[in-house]
Amino acid sequence: MNERTLRLAVAAACAACVALGAWSATEVVAQGPQDASAAIAQLPPGYLPREALPDSLALLPPPPAADSAAMERDEQARQATIPVRNTPRWALAASDADLKFPHAGSLFSCAAGIPISPETTPKLYALLGRMLIDVGLSTYKAKTHYNRTRPFVTHNEGTCYPPDEELLRHDGSYPSGHSAAGWGWALVLAELVPDRADAILQRGRDFGQSRVICDAHWQSDVDAGRVIASGTVARLHADPGFQADLAAVRQEIAGLSPVAQASAQCEAESAALSAQS
């Protein structure tokens, strides 16, 4: 999978605005939703045909209504993250926000205990990028239908990752594409490295919580993203191409030297996650 394809996969995870790689945020906003939809149509294929993707609009309830108890829970979850701002956990949330490859491919290296990169694990790297298209696009139908306002827009504040803010102002918040990506990756990696499953799934959960910490999503967006990721990964397991690539990845990672958990990156990640409130 080439660099352009991986950048387009990032756009799929953002789903409604599409174009971190192909367009700038300014161009997306200027050209409008019809052009964003056209860009989605130009994405390279994931594993699944578009008609086989889970229907997020059918699977998910509507997002919490204003002044509802569920919306109050979202506000409380947001308030609980405010003390974490400008701490190492906030910095990790900013790192998790960046889904551009090769950076995104390495985000689960510490949890999985294997180095994930185009040089050391090219087949795994390609699988993660390709399935990102499926997981990201699975969120698209509900995102565009509800077009929920994001918390940083509602509260007129910034996020942990300013480069995405203009794009996200015009991208529906519900469900969270980033959270879907992180949980989908965690499910697949936990299957590939079962002796590290607990650590991988915890990292997948924390990856989603990074979106609440970042003020880019409400908690209910994150929860819904995990539901869509689970449905997409289940569907991927029925796809022969995905099954073949998964088998090839198992062979690729067998016998790899593990990532040193004492490395600076892994120690910093562990410290940030341990300190979160």
C-alpha atoms as a PDB file:
ATOM      1  CA  MET A   1       0.000   0.000   0.000  1.00  0.00           C
ATOM      2  CA  ASN A   2       1.590   3.298  -1.100  1.00  0.00           C
ATOM      3  CA  GLU A   3       1.745   6.577   0.805  1.00  0.00           C
ATOM      4  CA  ARG A   4      -1.147   8.151  -1.103  1.00  0.00           C
ATOM      5  CA  THR A   5      -3.378   5.177  -0.284  1.00  0.00           C
ATOM      6  CA  LEU A   6      -2.513   5.393   3.398  1.00  0.00           C
ATOM      7  CA  ARG A   7      -3.242   9.112   3.462  1.00  0.00           C
ATOM      8  CA  LEU A   8      -6.620   8.404   1.892  1.00  0.00           C
ATOM      9  CA  ALA A   9      -7.248   5.783   4.565  1.00  0.00           C
ATOM     10  CA  VAL A  10      -6.778   8.525   7.140  1.00  0.00           C
ATOM     11  CA  ALA A  11      -9.455  10.480   5.337  1.00  0.00           C
ATOM     12  CA  ALA A  12     -11.791   7.499   5.584  1.00  0.00           C
ATOM     13  CA  ALA A  13     -11.406   7.456   9.353  1.00  0.00           C
ATOM     14  CA  CYS A  14     -12.437  11.121   9.453  1.00  0.00           C
ATOM     15  CA  ALA A  15     -15.280   9.946   7.215  1.00  0.00           C
ATOM     16  CA  ALA A  16     -17.337  13.053   6.595  1.00  0.00           C
ATOM     17  CA  CYS A  17     -14.678  15.560   5.623  1.00  0.00           C
ATOM     18  CA  VAL A  18     -12.434  13.046   3.984  1.00  0.00           C
ATOM     19  CA  ALA A  19      -9.252  14.729   3.015  1.00  0.00           C
ATOM     20  CA  LEU A  20      -6.331  14.982   5.393  1.00  0.00           C
ATOM     21  CA  GLY A  21      -4.138  13.577   2.650  1.00  0.00           C
ATOM     22  CA  ALA A  22      -5.873  14.495  -0.578  1.00  0.00           C
ATOM     23  CA  TRP A  23      -7.083  18.004   0.293  1.00  0.00           C
ATOM     24  CA  SER A  24      -6.291  20.584   2.897  1.00  0.00           C
ATOM     25  CA  ALA A  25      -8.946  21.316   5.503  1.00  0.00           C
ATOM     26  CA  THR A  26      -9.510  24.718   3.906  1.00  0.00           C
ATOM     27  CA  GLU A  27     -10.239  23.123   0.545  1.00  0.00           C
ATOM     28  CA  VAL A  28     -12.697  20.668   2.075  1.00  0.00           C
ATOM     29  CA  VAL A  29     -14.605  23.463   3.772  1.00  0.00           C
ATOM     30  CA  ALA A  30     -14.554  25.631   0.655  1.00  0.00           C
ATOM     31  CA  GLN A  31     -15.656  22.907  -1.741  1.00  0.00           C
ATOM     32  CA  GLY A  32     -18.416  21.598   0.464  1.00  0.00           C
ATOM     33  CA  PRO A  33     -19.948  18.235   1.349  1.00  0.00           C
ATOM     34  CA  GLN A  34     -20.661  17.141  -2.224  1.00  0.00           C
ATOM     35  CA  ASP A  35     -16.964  17.289  -3.047  1.00  0.00           C
ATOM     36  CA  ALA A  36     -16.140  15.519   0.206  1.00  0.00           C
ATOM     37  CA  SER A  37     -18.515  12.724  -0.812  1.00  0.00           C
ATOM     38  CA  ALA A  38     -16.847  12.581  -4.212  1.00  0.00           C
ATOM     39  CA  ALA A  39     -13.472  12.193  -2.529  1.00  0.00           C
ATOM     40  CA  ILE A  40     -14.808   9.282  -0.484  1.00  0.00           C
ATOM     41  CA  ALA A  41     -15.947   7.667  -3.726  1.00  0.00           C
ATOM     42  CA  GLN A  42     -12.361   7.925  -4.999  1.00  0.00           C
ATOM     43  CA  LEU A  43     -10.843   6.123  -2.025  1.00  0.00           C
ATOM     44  CA  PRO A  44      -9.002   2.919  -2.862  1.00  0.00           C
ATOM     45  CA  PRO A  45     -10.816  -0.238  -1.813  1.00  0.00           C
ATOM     46  CA  GLY A  46     -10.583  -1.633   1.663  1.00  0.00           C
ATOM     47  CA  TYR A  47     -11.312  -5.303   2.080  1.00  0.00           C
ATOM     48  CA  LEU A  48     -15.086  -4.974   1.905  1.00  0.00           C
ATOM     49  CA  PRO A  49     -17.299  -3.720  -0.898  1.00  0.00           C
ATOM     50  CA  ARG A  50     -19.106  -0.580   0.210  1.00  0.00           C
ATOM     51  CA  GLU A  51     -22.472  -2.344   0.246  1.00  0.00           C
ATOM     52  CA  ALA A  52     -21.094  -4.923   2.719  1.00  0.00           C
ATOM     53  CA  LEU A  53     -20.029  -2.355   5.322  1.00  0.00           C
ATOM     54  CA  PRO A  54     -22.014  -2.280   8.569  1.00  0.00           C
ATOM     55  CA  ASP A  55     -24.836   0.257   8.466  1.00  0.00           C
ATOM     56  CA  SER A  56     -24.003   2.636  11.311  1.00  0.00           C
ATOM     57  CA  LEU A  57     -27.299   4.472  10.940  1.00  0.00           C
ATOM     58  CA  ALA A  58     -29.229   1.234  11.474  1.00  0.00           C
ATOM     59  CA  LEU A  59     -26.967  -0.114  14.229  1.00  0.00           C
ATOM     60  CA  LEU A  60     -26.682   2.956  16.441  1.00  0.00           C
ATOM     61  CA  PRO A  61     -29.293   4.885  18.393  1.00  0.00           C
ATOM     62  CA  PRO A  62     -29.380   8.645  17.845  1.00  0.00           C
ATOM     63  CA  PRO A  63     -26.804  10.651  19.794  1.00  0.00           C
ATOM     64  CA  PRO A  64     -27.952  12.112  23.112  1.00  0.00           C
ATOM     65  CA  ALA A  65     -30.503  14.882  22.819  1.00  0.00           C
ATOM     66  CA  ALA A  66     -29.868  18.300  24.314  1.00  0.00           C
ATOM     67  CA  ASP A  67     -30.824  18.526  27.999  1.00  0.00           C
ATOM     68  CA  SER A  68     -31.130  14.731  28.297  1.00  0.00           C
ATOM     69  CA  ALA A  69     -29.572  12.633  31.051  1.00  0.00           C
ATOM     70  CA  ALA A  70     -27.303  11.045  28.444  1.00  0.00           C
ATOM     71  CA  MET A  71     -26.085  14.475  27.336  1.00  0.00           C
ATOM     72  CA  GLU A  72     -25.400  15.366  30.948  1.00  0.00           C
ATOM     73  CA  ARG A  73     -23.237  12.241  31.217  1.00  0.00           C
ATOM     74  CA  ASP A  74     -21.324  13.385  28.141  1.00  0.00           C
ATOM     75  CA  GLU A  75     -20.742  16.781  29.737  1.00  0.00           C
ATOM     76  CA  GLN A  76     -19.609  15.168  32.985  1.00  0.00           C
ATOM     77  CA  ALA A  77     -17.181  12.914  31.124  1.00  0.00           C
ATOM     78  CA  ARG A  78     -15.759  15.963  29.371  1.00  0.00           C
ATOM     79  CA  GLN A  79     -15.391  17.893  32.624  1.00  0.00           C
ATOM     80  CA  ALA A  80     -13.526  14.970  34.180  1.00  0.00           C
ATOM     81  CA  THR A  81     -10.794  15.251  31.536  1.00  0.00           C
ATOM     82  CA  ILE A  82     -10.062  18.956  31.997  1.00  0.00           C
ATOM     83  CA  PRO A  83      -7.406  18.382  34.720  1.00  0.00           C
ATOM     84  CA  VAL A  84      -5.499  16.177  32.247  1.00  0.00           C
ATOM     85  CA  ARG A  85      -4.917  19.029  29.809  1.00  0.00           C
ATOM     86  CA  ASN A  86      -1.306  20.069  29.215  1.00  0.00           C
ATOM     87  CA  THR A  87      -0.002  16.901  30.864  1.00  0.00           C
ATOM     88  CA  PRO A  88       1.782  13.907  29.292  1.00  0.00           C
ATOM     89  CA  ARG A  89      -1.642  12.258  28.861  1.00  0.00           C
ATOM     90  CA  TRP A  90      -2.778  15.275  26.831  1.00  0.00           C
ATOM     91  CA  ALA A  91       0.359  14.922  24.689  1.00  0.00           C
ATOM     92  CA  LEU A  92      -0.410  11.234  24.143  1.00  0.00           C
ATOM     93  CA  ALA A  93      -3.945  12.161  23.075  1.00  0.00           C
ATOM     94  CA  ALA A  94      -2.404  14.509  20.505  1.00  0.00           C
ATOM     95  CA  SER A  95      -0.212  11.688  19.244  1.00  0.00           C
ATOM     96  CA  ASP A  96      -3.249   9.396  19.021  1.00  0.00           C
ATOM     97  CA  ALA A  97      -5.069  12.068  17.004  1.00  0.00           C
ATOM     98  CA  ASP A  98      -2.507  11.843  14.209  1.00  0.00           C
ATOM     99  CA  LEU A  99      -3.664   8.972  11.997  1.00  0.00           C
ATOM    100  CA  LYS A 100      -1.168   9.663   9.240  1.00  0.00           C
ATOM    101  CA  PHE A 101       1.084   6.755   8.396  1.00  0.00           C
ATOM    102  CA  PRO A 102       3.770   5.734   9.266  1.00  0.00           C
ATOM    103  CA  HIS A 103       3.066   7.390  12.638  1.00  0.00           C
ATOM    104  CA  ALA A 104      -0.306   5.670  13.055  1.00  0.00           C
ATOM    105  CA  GLY A 105       1.180   2.266  12.387  1.00  0.00           C
ATOM    106  CA  SER A 106       3.446   2.540  15.417  1.00  0.00           C
ATOM    107  CA  LEU A 107       0.809   3.550  17.965  1.00  0.00           C
ATOM    108  CA  PHE A 108       0.201  -0.019  19.141  1.00  0.00           C
ATOM    109  CA  SER A 109       3.826  -1.195  19.023  1.00  0.00           C
ATOM    110  CA  CYS A 110       4.352  -0.928  22.775  1.00  0.00           C
ATOM    111  CA  ALA A 111       1.067  -2.606  23.663  1.00  0.00           C
ATOM    112  CA  ALA A 112       1.560  -5.403  21.129  1.00  0.00           C
ATOM    113  CA  GLY A 113       5.210  -5.840  22.026  1.00  0.00           C
ATOM    114  CA  ILE A 114       6.242  -5.897  18.373  1.00  0.00           C
ATOM    115  CA  PRO A 115       7.722  -3.169  16.179  1.00  0.00           C
ATOM    116  CA  ILE A 116       5.041  -2.098  13.690  1.00  0.00           C
ATOM    117  CA  SER A 117       6.521  -0.265  10.717  1.00  0.00           C
ATOM    118  CA  PRO A 118       6.764  -0.573   6.931  1.00  0.00           C
ATOM    119  CA  GLU A 119      10.333  -1.815   7.339  1.00  0.00           C
ATOM    120  CA  THR A 120       9.905  -4.452  10.055  1.00  0.00           C
ATOM    121  CA  THR A 121       6.299  -5.597   9.499  1.00  0.00           C
ATOM    122  CA  PRO A 122       5.228  -4.511   6.004  1.00  0.00           C
ATOM    123  CA  LYS A 123       2.325  -6.967   5.806  1.00  0.00           C
ATOM    124  CA  LEU A 124       0.900  -5.942   9.175  1.00  0.00           C
ATOM    125  CA  TYR A 125       1.452  -2.281   8.330  1.00  0.00           C
ATOM    126  CA  ALA A 126      -0.474  -2.715   5.070  1.00  0.00           C
ATOM    127  CA  LEU A 127      -3.300  -4.642   6.758  1.00  0.00           C
ATOM    128  CA  LEU A 128      -3.798  -1.904   9.359  1.00  0.00           C
ATOM    129  CA  GLY A 129      -3.930   0.732   6.644  1.00  0.00           C
ATOM    130  CA  ARG A 130      -6.330  -1.182   4.436  1.00  0.00           C
ATOM    131  CA  MET A 131      -8.768  -2.094   7.205  1.00  0.00           C
ATOM    132  CA  LEU A 132      -8.774   1.559   8.290  1.00  0.00           C
ATOM    133  CA  ILE A 133     -10.709   2.318   5.110  1.00  0.00           C
ATOM    134  CA  ASP A 134     -13.409  -0.197   6.045  1.00  0.00           C
ATOM    135  CA  VAL A 135     -13.650   0.855   9.679  1.00  0.00           C
ATOM    136  CA  GLY A 136     -13.631   4.551   8.847  1.00  0.00           C
ATOM    137  CA  LEU A 137     -16.256   4.338   6.130  1.00  0.00           C
ATOM    138  CA  SER A 138     -18.494   2.232   8.368  1.00  0.00           C
ATOM    139  CA  THR A 139     -18.993   5.316  10.557  1.00  0.00           C
ATOM    140  CA  TYR A 140     -19.843   7.575   7.637  1.00  0.00           C
ATOM    141  CA  LYS A 141     -23.590   7.034   7.275  1.00  0.00           C
ATOM    142  CA  ALA A 142     -24.430   7.975  10.870  1.00  0.00           C
ATOM    143  CA  LYS A 143     -21.862  10.787  10.887  1.00  0.00           C
ATOM    144  CA  THR A 144     -23.412  12.539   7.933  1.00  0.00           C
ATOM    145  CA  HIS A 145     -26.991  11.871   9.042  1.00  0.00           C
ATOM    146  CA  TYR A 146     -26.655  13.275  12.559  1.00  0.00           C
ATOM    147  CA  ASN A 147     -23.869  15.809  11.886  1.00  0.00           C
ATOM    148  CA  ARG A 148     -23.398  16.193  15.632  1.00  0.00           C
ATOM    149  CA  THR A 149     -21.468  19.228  16.858  1.00  0.00           C
ATOM    150  CA  ARG A 150     -18.161  18.422  18.512  1.00  0.00           C
ATOM    151  CA  PRO A 151     -17.487  19.411  22.129  1.00  0.00           C
ATOM    152  CA  PHE A 152     -14.687  21.867  21.366  1.00  0.00           C
ATOM    153  CA  VAL A 153     -17.054  23.698  19.007  1.00  0.00           C
ATOM    154  CA  THR A 154     -19.920  23.664  21.506  1.00  0.00           C
ATOM    155  CA  HIS A 155     -17.658  25.113  24.196  1.00  0.00           C
ATOM    156  CA  ASN A 156     -15.690  27.396  21.865  1.00  0.00           C
ATOM    157  CA  GLU A 157     -12.346  25.951  22.925  1.00  0.00           C
ATOM    158  CA  GLY A 158      -9.421  24.240  21.241  1.00  0.00           C
ATOM    159  CA  THR A 159      -8.349  20.610  21.055  1.00  0.00           C
ATOM    160  CA  CYS A 160      -5.145  18.751  21.789  1.00  0.00           C
ATOM    161  CA  TYR A 161      -4.412  18.638  18.043  1.00  0.00           C
ATOM    162  CA  PRO A 162      -4.925  22.054  16.392  1.00  0.00           C
ATOM    163  CA  PRO A 163      -3.987  20.895  12.849  1.00  0.00           C
ATOM    164  CA  ASP A 164      -7.309  19.025  12.609  1.00  0.00           C
ATOM    165  CA  GLU A 165      -9.595  21.624  14.139  1.00  0.00           C
ATOM    166  CA  GLU A 166     -10.823  23.376  11.003  1.00  0.00           C
ATOM    167  CA  LEU A 167     -11.552  20.026   9.402  1.00  0.00           C
ATOM    168  CA  LEU A 168     -13.365  18.713  12.462  1.00  0.00           C
ATOM    169  CA  ARG A 169     -15.589  21.780  12.783  1.00  0.00           C
ATOM    170  CA  HIS A 170     -17.381  20.564   9.674  1.00  0.00           C
ATOM    171  CA  ASP A 171     -17.240  16.815  10.389  1.00  0.00           C
ATOM    172  CA  GLY A 172     -19.952  15.072  12.388  1.00  0.00           C
ATOM    173  CA  SER A 173     -18.914  13.962  15.861  1.00  0.00           C
ATOM    174  CA  TYR A 174     -21.076  10.821  16.166  1.00  0.00           C
ATOM    175  CA  PRO A 175     -19.776   8.139  15.977  1.00  0.00           C
ATOM    176  CA  SER A 176     -16.043   8.663  16.452  1.00  0.00           C
ATOM    177  CA  GLY A 177     -13.992   7.461  13.491  1.00  0.00           C
ATOM    178  CA  HIS A 178     -10.724   7.634  15.436  1.00  0.00           C
ATOM    179  CA  SER A 179     -12.206   5.516  18.231  1.00  0.00           C
ATOM    180  CA  ALA A 180     -13.505   3.026  15.694  1.00  0.00           C
ATOM    181  CA  ALA A 181     -10.051   2.815  14.133  1.00  0.00           C
ATOM    182  CA  GLY A 182      -8.305   2.296  17.467  1.00  0.00           C
ATOM    183  CA  TRP A 183     -10.743  -0.334  18.690  1.00  0.00           C
ATOM    184  CA  GLY A 184     -10.737  -2.138  15.345  1.00  0.00           C
ATOM    185  CA  TRP A 185      -6.949  -2.265  15.324  1.00  0.00           C
ATOM    186  CA  ALA A 186      -6.943  -3.467  18.937  1.00  0.00           C
ATOM    187  CA  LEU A 187      -9.329  -6.333  18.184  1.00  0.00           C
ATOM    188  CA  VAL A 188      -7.221  -7.553  15.279  1.00  0.00           C
ATOM    189  CA  LEU A 189      -3.895  -7.136  17.074  1.00  0.00           C
ATOM    190  CA  ALA A 190      -5.234  -8.945  20.155  1.00  0.00           C
ATOM    191  CA  GLU A 191      -6.050 -11.874  17.900  1.00  0.00           C
ATOM    192  CA  LEU A 192      -2.602 -11.801  16.312  1.00  0.00           C
ATOM    193  CA  VAL A 193      -0.697 -11.469  19.599  1.00  0.00           C
ATOM    194  CA  PRO A 194      -2.944 -13.262  22.112  1.00  0.00           C
ATOM    195  CA  ASP A 195      -0.398 -13.248  24.927  1.00  0.00           C
ATOM    196  CA  ARG A 196      -0.558  -9.428  24.811  1.00  0.00           C
ATOM    197  CA  ALA A 197      -4.340  -9.231  24.369  1.00  0.00           C
ATOM    198  CA  ASP A 198      -5.092  -7.463  27.654  1.00  0.00           C
ATOM    199  CA  ALA A 199      -2.488  -4.763  27.043  1.00  0.00           C
ATOM    200  CA  ILE A 200      -3.599  -4.305  23.433  1.00  0.00           C
ATOM    201  CA  LEU A 201      -7.287  -4.007  24.300  1.00  0.00           C
ATOM    202  CA  GLN A 202      -6.508  -1.568  27.097  1.00  0.00           C
ATOM    203  CA  ARG A 203      -4.513   0.515  24.620  1.00  0.00           C
ATOM    204  CA  GLY A 204      -7.458   0.370  22.224  1.00  0.00           C
ATOM    205  CA  ARG A 205      -9.744   1.624  24.965  1.00  0.00           C
ATOM    206  CA  ASP A 206      -7.304   4.378  25.911  1.00  0.00           C
ATOM    207  CA  PHE A 207      -6.987   5.333  22.249  1.00  0.00           C
ATOM    208  CA  GLY A 208     -10.705   6.069  22.197  1.00  0.00           C
ATOM    209  CA  GLN A 209     -10.563   7.945  25.495  1.00  0.00           C
ATOM    210  CA  SER A 210      -7.891  10.139  23.945  1.00  0.00           C
ATOM    211  CA  ARG A 211     -10.658  11.638  21.818  1.00  0.00           C
ATOM    212  CA  VAL A 212     -12.578  12.747  24.915  1.00  0.00           C
ATOM    213  CA  ILE A 213      -9.392  14.075  26.514  1.00  0.00           C
ATOM    214  CA  CYS A 214      -8.606  15.922  23.278  1.00  0.00           C
ATOM    215  CA  ASP A 215     -12.089  17.531  23.352  1.00  0.00           C
ATOM    216  CA  ALA A 216     -12.653  16.252  19.812  1.00  0.00           C
ATOM    217  CA  HIS A 217     -15.484  13.866  20.782  1.00  0.00           C
ATOM    218  CA  TRP A 218     -18.141  13.269  23.384  1.00  0.00           C
ATOM    219  CA  GLN A 219     -17.993  10.027  25.356  1.00  0.00           C
ATOM    220  CA  SER A 220     -21.074   8.672  23.578  1.00  0.00           C
ATOM    221  CA  ASP A 221     -19.312   9.249  20.225  1.00  0.00           C
ATOM    222  CA  VAL A 222     -16.423   7.107  21.426  1.00  0.00           C
ATOM    223  CA  ASP A 223     -18.701   4.353  22.736  1.00  0.00           C
ATOM    224  CA  ALA A 224     -20.574   4.270  19.425  1.00  0.00           C
ATOM    225  CA  GLY A 225     -17.311   4.128  17.481  1.00  0.00           C
ATOM    226  CA  ARG A 226     -16.343   0.958  19.332  1.00  0.00           C
ATOM    227  CA  VAL A 227     -19.672  -0.653  18.412  1.00  0.00           C
ATOM    228  CA  ILE A 228     -19.129   0.072  14.725  1.00  0.00           C
ATOM    229  CA  ALA A 229     -15.532  -1.155  14.897  1.00  0.00           C
ATOM    230  CA  SER A 230     -16.654  -4.445  16.432  1.00  0.00           C
ATOM    231  CA  GLY A 231     -19.222  -4.954  13.699  1.00  0.00           C
ATOM    232  CA  THR A 232     -16.731  -4.120  10.967  1.00  0.00           C
ATOM    233  CA  VAL A 233     -14.046  -6.454  12.301  1.00  0.00           C
ATOM    234  CA  ALA A 234     -16.604  -9.259  12.602  1.00  0.00           C
ATOM    235  CA  ARG A 235     -17.548  -8.715   8.963  1.00  0.00           C
ATOM    236  CA  LEU A 236     -13.889  -8.583   7.912  1.00  0.00           C
ATOM    237  CA  HIS A 237     -13.373 -12.074   9.299  1.00  0.00           C
ATOM    238  CA  ALA A 238     -15.785 -13.405   6.678  1.00  0.00           C
ATOM    239  CA  ASP A 239     -13.766 -11.856   3.850  1.00  0.00           C
ATOM    240  CA  PRO A 240     -11.311 -14.239   2.119  1.00  0.00           C
ATOM    241  CA  GLY A 241      -8.848 -11.461   1.310  1.00  0.00           C
ATOM    242  CA  PHE A 242      -8.690 -10.334   4.917  1.00  0.00           C
ATOM    243  CA  GLN A 243      -8.343 -13.927   6.108  1.00  0.00           C
ATOM    244  CA  ALA A 244      -5.434 -14.496   3.718  1.00  0.00           C
ATOM    245  CA  ASP A 245      -3.661 -11.315   4.793  1.00  0.00           C
ATOM    246  CA  LEU A 246      -4.213 -12.147   8.457  1.00  0.00           C
ATOM    247  CA  ALA A 247      -2.576 -15.545   7.934  1.00  0.00           C
ATOM    248  CA  ALA A 248       0.355 -13.897   6.157  1.00  0.00           C
ATOM    249  CA  VAL A 249       0.777 -11.430   9.021  1.00  0.00           C
ATOM    250  CA  ARG A 250       0.873 -14.283  11.535  1.00  0.00           C
ATOM    251  CA  GLN A 251       3.822 -15.751   9.663  1.00  0.00           C
ATOM    252  CA  GLU A 252       5.484 -12.346   9.384  1.00  0.00           C
ATOM    253  CA  ILE A 253       5.412 -11.583  13.103  1.00  0.00           C
ATOM    254  CA  ALA A 254       6.371 -15.072  14.266  1.00  0.00           C
ATOM    255  CA  GLY A 255       9.793 -14.890  15.826  1.00  0.00           C
ATOM    256  CA  LEU A 256      10.088 -11.098  15.697  1.00  0.00           C
ATOM    257  CA  SER A 257      12.248  -9.590  18.388  1.00  0.00           C
ATOM    258  CA  PRO A 258       9.918  -7.915  20.896  1.00  0.00           C
ATOM    259  CA  VAL A 259       9.795  -4.181  21.445  1.00  0.00           C
ATOM    260  CA  ALA A 260      11.788  -3.241  24.517  1.00  0.00           C
ATOM    261  CA  GLN A 261       9.203  -2.154  27.070  1.00  0.00           C
ATOM    262  CA  ALA A 262      11.973  -0.132  28.700  1.00  0.00           C
ATOM    263  CA  SER A 263      12.385   1.992  25.559  1.00  0.00           C
ATOM    264  CA  ALA A 264      11.843   5.722  25.954  1.00  0.00           C
ATOM    265  CA  GLN A 265       8.659   5.619  23.858  1.00  0.00           C
ATOM    266  CA  CYS A 266       7.108   2.756  25.819  1.00  0.00           C
ATOM    267  CA  GLU A 267       8.103   4.177  29.186  1.00  0.00           C
ATOM    268  CA  ALA A 268       6.606   7.560  28.293  1.00  0.00           C
ATOM    269  CA  GLU A 269       3.391   5.965  27.038  1.00  0.00           C
ATOM    270  CA  SER A 270       3.063   3.821  30.149  1.00  0.00           C
ATOM    271  CA  ALA A 271       3.679   6.787  32.446  1.00  0.00           C
ATOM    272  CA  ALA A 272       1.115   8.936  30.636  1.00  0.00           C
ATOM    273  CA  LEU A 273      -1.553   6.243  30.799  1.00  0.00           C
ATOM    274  CA  SER A 274      -0.813   5.385  34.427  1.00  0.00           C
ATOM    275  CA  ALA A 275      -1.181   9.010  35.473  1.00  0.00           C
ATOM    276  CA  GLN A 276      -4.504   9.664  33.751  1.00  0.00           C
ATOM    277  CA  SER A 277      -7.406  10.361  36.027  1.00  0.00           C
END
